[in-house]
Amino acid sequence: MDSDQIRQLLSESMPDCEIVIEGIDGKYLVTAIGDIFEGLTAVKRQQIVYQILNEHIVSGVIHAVTMRLMTEKERNAS
């Protein structure tokens, strides 16, 4: 599984998010920006992504995931 496949998988489940995937060899940085994260804690945001990627994490295809998850408003505040 490569970065493009992960991005496509996440985009299908979170179509209103801007998603960027960086990394190779099973270690990835997921940056997702969208209102789907509005009002959610960091843990709840991560749970959304883990739920989508879990099958690939359990199988060992994805070894490590670092996440930057934010709303559009949070991105604009930085």
Protein backbone atom coordinates (compact mmCIF):
# COMPACT_ATOMS: atom_id res chain seq x y z
CA MET A 1 0.00 0.00 0.00
CA ASP A 2 1.40 3.38 -0.97
CA SER A 3 0.57 6.98 -0.08
CA ASP A 4 -1.87 7.39 -2.97
CA GLN A 5 -3.82 4.28 -1.97
CA ILE A 6 -4.08 5.48 1.63
CA ARG A 7 -5.22 8.92 0.49
CA GLN A 8 -7.86 7.35 -1.75
CA LEU A 9 -9.09 5.09 1.06
CA LEU A 10 -9.41 8.01 3.48
CA SER A 11 -10.96 10.27 0.82
CA GLU A 12 -13.69 7.72 0.15
CA SER A 13 -14.67 7.68 3.83
CA MET A 14 -14.10 11.40 4.45
CA PRO A 15 -15.00 12.99 1.10
CA ASP A 16 -15.18 16.56 2.42
CA CYS A 17 -11.65 16.51 3.85
CA GLU A 18 -8.44 17.71 2.30
CA ILE A 19 -6.04 14.79 2.79
CA VAL A 20 -2.29 14.65 2.33
CA ILE A 21 -0.27 11.49 2.95
CA GLU A 22 3.51 11.51 3.34
CA GLY A 23 5.81 8.58 3.91
CA ILE A 24 6.88 5.21 2.59
CA ASP A 25 7.50 1.63 3.67
CA GLY A 26 4.58 1.41 6.08
CA LYS A 27 5.30 4.63 7.99
CA TYR A 28 3.01 7.52 7.16
CA LEU A 29 2.03 11.03 8.19
CA VAL A 30 -1.68 11.65 7.61
CA THR A 31 -2.77 15.28 7.42
CA ALA A 32 -6.54 15.68 7.16
CA ILE A 33 -8.40 18.97 7.26
CA GLY A 34 -12.16 19.10 7.39
CA ASP A 35 -15.23 20.02 9.37
CA ILE A 36 -15.76 16.32 10.20
CA PHE A 37 -13.42 17.01 13.15
CA GLU A 38 -15.42 19.96 14.51
CA GLY A 39 -16.09 19.59 18.24
CA LEU A 40 -14.13 16.33 18.57
CA THR A 41 -11.22 15.67 20.90
CA ALA A 42 -7.87 14.63 19.48
CA VAL A 43 -8.57 11.02 20.48
CA LYS A 44 -11.97 10.98 18.75
CA ARG A 45 -10.40 12.45 15.61
CA GLN A 46 -7.73 9.75 15.60
CA GLN A 47 -10.34 7.04 16.14
CA ILE A 48 -12.05 8.08 12.90
CA VAL A 49 -8.83 7.58 10.95
CA TYR A 50 -7.85 4.39 12.78
CA GLN A 51 -11.26 2.89 12.04
CA ILE A 52 -10.66 3.41 8.33
CA LEU A 53 -7.05 2.16 8.34
CA ASN A 54 -7.34 -0.55 11.00
CA GLU A 55 -7.50 -3.50 8.59
CA HIS A 56 -4.20 -2.41 7.03
CA ILE A 57 -2.56 -1.73 10.40
CA VAL A 58 -3.57 -5.15 11.75
CA SER A 59 -2.28 -6.87 8.61
CA GLY A 60 1.08 -5.13 9.02
CA VAL A 61 0.91 -3.26 5.71
CA ILE A 62 0.90 0.00 7.68
CA HIS A 63 3.35 -0.03 10.59
CA ALA A 64 3.10 3.50 11.95
CA VAL A 65 0.73 6.41 11.47
CA THR A 66 1.29 9.94 12.69
CA MET A 67 -1.72 12.22 12.35
CA ARG A 68 -2.35 15.93 12.02
CA LEU A 69 -6.12 16.30 12.07
CA MET A 70 -7.82 19.68 12.13
CA THR A 71 -10.79 21.70 11.01
CA GLU A 72 -10.52 24.37 8.33
CA LYS A 73 -10.92 27.00 11.05
CA GLU A 74 -8.03 25.54 13.04
CA ARG A 75 -5.79 25.53 9.97
CA ASN A 76 -6.57 29.15 9.26
CA ALA A 77 -5.80 30.12 12.87
CA SER A 78 -2.23 28.81 12.63
